[in-house]
Protein backbone atom coordinates (compact mmCIF):
# COMPACT_ATOMS: atom_id res chain seq x y z
CA ALA A 1 19.10 -23.09 -73.86
CA SER A 2 15.39 -22.51 -73.46
CA ILE A 3 12.34 -22.91 -75.67
CA ILE A 4 9.25 -20.79 -74.94
CA PRO A 5 6.13 -21.88 -76.91
CA ARG A 6 3.68 -19.31 -78.29
CA PRO A 7 0.44 -20.32 -80.10
CA LEU A 8 0.21 -19.53 -83.81
CA GLN A 9 -3.07 -19.48 -85.75
CA ILE A 10 -3.03 -22.30 -88.32
CA TYR A 11 -5.91 -22.93 -90.70
CA PRO A 12 -7.03 -26.56 -91.26
CA VAL A 13 -5.46 -27.09 -94.69
CA THR A 14 -4.06 -30.53 -95.42
CA SER A 15 -2.88 -30.01 -98.99
CA ILE A 16 -2.10 -27.26 -101.43
CA VAL A 17 -2.18 -27.71 -105.20
CA CYS A 18 -0.40 -25.29 -107.54
CA ASN A 19 -1.29 -25.48 -111.23
CA CYS A 20 0.83 -23.69 -113.79
CA PHE A 21 1.64 -24.26 -117.45
CA CYS A 22 4.79 -26.27 -116.70
CA ALA A 23 3.90 -28.38 -113.66
CA LYS A 24 1.30 -29.44 -111.17
CA ILE A 25 2.67 -29.48 -107.64
CA LYS A 26 0.91 -30.88 -104.58
CA LEU A 27 2.24 -30.15 -101.12
CA THR A 28 0.78 -32.26 -98.33
CA LEU A 29 0.97 -30.87 -94.83
CA ASN A 30 1.21 -33.06 -91.76
CA PRO A 31 -1.76 -32.01 -89.58
CA LYS A 32 0.02 -33.41 -86.52
CA GLU A 33 3.08 -31.19 -86.99
CA ASP A 34 3.43 -28.54 -84.30
CA PHE A 35 3.35 -25.10 -85.90
CA SER A 36 3.35 -23.20 -82.63
CA MET A 37 5.98 -20.50 -82.43
CA LYS A 38 8.91 -21.27 -80.11
CA PHE A 39 11.51 -18.73 -79.08
CA ILE A 40 15.04 -20.16 -79.02
CA HIS A 41 17.91 -18.84 -76.90
CA SER A 42 21.51 -19.94 -76.53
CA ASP A 43 23.85 -18.64 -73.83
CA ALA A 44 26.75 -19.61 -76.14
CA ALA A 45 25.83 -16.77 -78.55
CA PRO A 46 25.70 -13.03 -77.84
CA ALA A 47 22.44 -11.78 -76.37
CA ALA A 48 20.09 -9.85 -78.66
CA LEU A 49 20.97 -6.15 -78.83
CA GLY A 50 17.32 -5.10 -78.89
CA PRO A 51 13.75 -6.26 -78.32
CA TYR A 52 13.93 -9.40 -80.45
CA SER A 53 14.71 -13.11 -80.09
CA GLN A 54 17.89 -14.88 -81.12
CA ALA A 55 15.69 -17.27 -83.11
CA VAL A 56 12.10 -18.32 -83.67
CA GLN A 57 11.10 -21.86 -84.61
CA VAL A 58 7.86 -22.52 -86.52
CA GLY A 59 7.34 -26.17 -87.36
CA GLN A 60 10.67 -27.50 -88.62
CA LEU A 61 11.94 -24.08 -89.76
CA LEU A 62 14.23 -21.98 -87.61
CA PHE A 63 14.57 -18.25 -88.34
CA VAL A 64 17.78 -16.99 -86.72
CA SER A 65 18.27 -13.26 -86.17
CA GLY A 66 21.34 -11.60 -87.61
CA GLN A 67 24.51 -12.17 -85.63
CA LEU A 68 27.37 -9.73 -85.41
CA PRO A 69 30.96 -10.99 -85.35
CA LEU A 70 31.32 -10.98 -81.58
CA LYS A 71 33.79 -13.32 -79.91
CA ASP A 72 34.11 -13.27 -76.13
CA GLY A 73 32.31 -9.90 -76.12
CA THR A 74 34.76 -8.34 -78.59
CA LEU A 75 33.68 -7.10 -82.01
CA ILE A 76 35.94 -8.62 -84.70
CA ASP A 77 37.04 -6.27 -87.52
CA ASP A 78 38.98 -8.67 -89.76
CA ALA A 79 36.56 -9.89 -92.48
CA ALA A 80 37.68 -13.55 -92.39
CA GLU A 81 37.65 -13.79 -88.59
CA ALA A 82 34.37 -11.85 -88.48
CA THR A 83 32.73 -14.32 -90.88
CA THR A 84 33.82 -17.29 -88.78
CA ALA A 85 32.73 -15.60 -85.52
CA ALA A 86 29.26 -14.70 -86.82
CA LEU A 87 28.73 -18.19 -88.32
CA THR A 88 29.89 -19.79 -85.05
CA ASN A 89 27.38 -17.67 -83.11
CA LEU A 90 24.63 -18.73 -85.54
CA LEU A 91 25.62 -22.38 -85.18
CA SER A 92 25.32 -22.13 -81.38
CA ILE A 93 21.74 -20.93 -81.74
CA VAL A 94 20.85 -23.58 -84.34
CA GLN A 95 22.33 -26.24 -82.05
CA ALA A 96 20.20 -24.96 -79.14
CA ALA A 97 17.17 -25.81 -81.30
CA GLY A 98 18.51 -29.30 -82.09
CA GLY A 99 20.10 -28.54 -85.47
CA SER A 100 23.61 -28.62 -86.89
CA LYS A 101 25.71 -26.88 -89.51
CA GLU A 102 24.04 -29.09 -92.11
CA SER A 103 20.66 -27.62 -91.06
CA PHE A 104 21.57 -24.22 -92.55
CA ALA A 105 19.30 -23.85 -95.60
CA LYS A 106 19.56 -20.10 -96.41
CA VAL A 107 22.21 -17.62 -95.35
CA ASN A 108 21.99 -13.84 -95.76
CA ILE A 109 25.22 -11.87 -95.35
CA PHE A 110 25.17 -8.09 -94.93
CA VAL A 111 28.59 -6.48 -95.45
CA ARG A 112 29.91 -3.00 -94.87
CA ASN A 113 32.33 -3.24 -97.81
CA MET A 114 31.85 -5.47 -100.86
CA ASP A 115 35.64 -5.37 -101.37
CA ASP A 116 35.72 -7.99 -98.56
CA PHE A 117 33.64 -10.42 -100.69
CA ASP A 118 36.52 -12.78 -101.62
CA THR A 119 37.83 -12.87 -98.05
CA ILE A 120 34.34 -13.60 -96.70
CA ASN A 121 33.85 -16.33 -99.33
CA GLY A 122 37.07 -18.03 -98.24
CA ALA A 123 36.10 -18.11 -94.57
CA TYR A 124 32.54 -19.13 -95.49
CA ALA A 125 33.81 -22.06 -97.61
CA ASP A 126 36.15 -23.17 -94.79
CA PHE A 127 33.29 -23.07 -92.28
CA PHE A 128 30.80 -25.06 -94.37
CA GLY A 129 33.07 -27.49 -96.23
CA ASP A 130 30.93 -29.59 -98.56
CA HIS A 131 27.61 -28.17 -97.28
CA LYS A 132 26.38 -25.41 -99.61
CA PRO A 133 23.29 -23.56 -98.30
CA ALA A 134 21.56 -20.99 -100.50
CA ARG A 135 22.99 -17.54 -99.91
CA ALA A 136 22.74 -13.83 -100.57
CA CYS A 137 25.45 -11.26 -99.87
CA VAL A 138 24.64 -7.56 -100.02
CA GLN A 139 26.48 -4.38 -99.12
CA VAL A 140 24.67 -2.10 -96.69
CA ALA A 141 25.29 1.49 -95.64
CA ARG A 142 25.79 0.71 -91.96
CA LEU A 143 25.45 -2.12 -89.43
CA PRO A 144 24.88 -2.11 -85.66
CA LYS A 145 28.03 -1.27 -83.70
CA ASP A 146 29.63 -0.38 -87.08
CA ALA A 147 30.39 -4.08 -87.59
CA VAL A 148 32.07 -5.27 -90.80
CA LEU A 149 29.25 -7.77 -91.37
CA GLU A 150 26.11 -9.37 -89.99
CA ILE A 151 24.81 -12.81 -90.94
CA GLU A 152 21.35 -14.34 -90.54
CA VAL A 153 20.14 -17.89 -91.25
CA ILE A 154 17.05 -19.96 -91.96
CA ALA A 155 17.59 -23.56 -90.87
CA ASP A 156 15.67 -26.77 -91.54
CA LEU A 157 15.42 -28.84 -88.36
CA SER A 158 13.64 -31.84 -89.92
């Protein structure tokens, strides 16, 4: 695994206050936190299919590119096995950045056929156990390599 830093312009703000009719929220930023952009790569996950990174870390957030259900170079067509394969690939990348399965904060699932929803949910529940990240699942017209699904993640590495 490798991490390649890239500078990111950050303005010198130490706190943000949001006033609305129901609450006043103050978010304090740590000025010592490193918000430089780092590109994350894991050899345990399939290489990117195009000109993009497997993941980008900014501060304690990790944005992981969508992963197809590839296992040992083979595209998996069964929805349950495909879900597990894609999530396993995502986990490899999150681990390369120092995270774990419990770091997954938001998961987006893109499916070829919404009729696979219950099957995907079963494999998803088995993979995560008691951990329940936020999630969206949408049907799309087509995915790269005509895959049955693609999954992307935002992880919290704090």
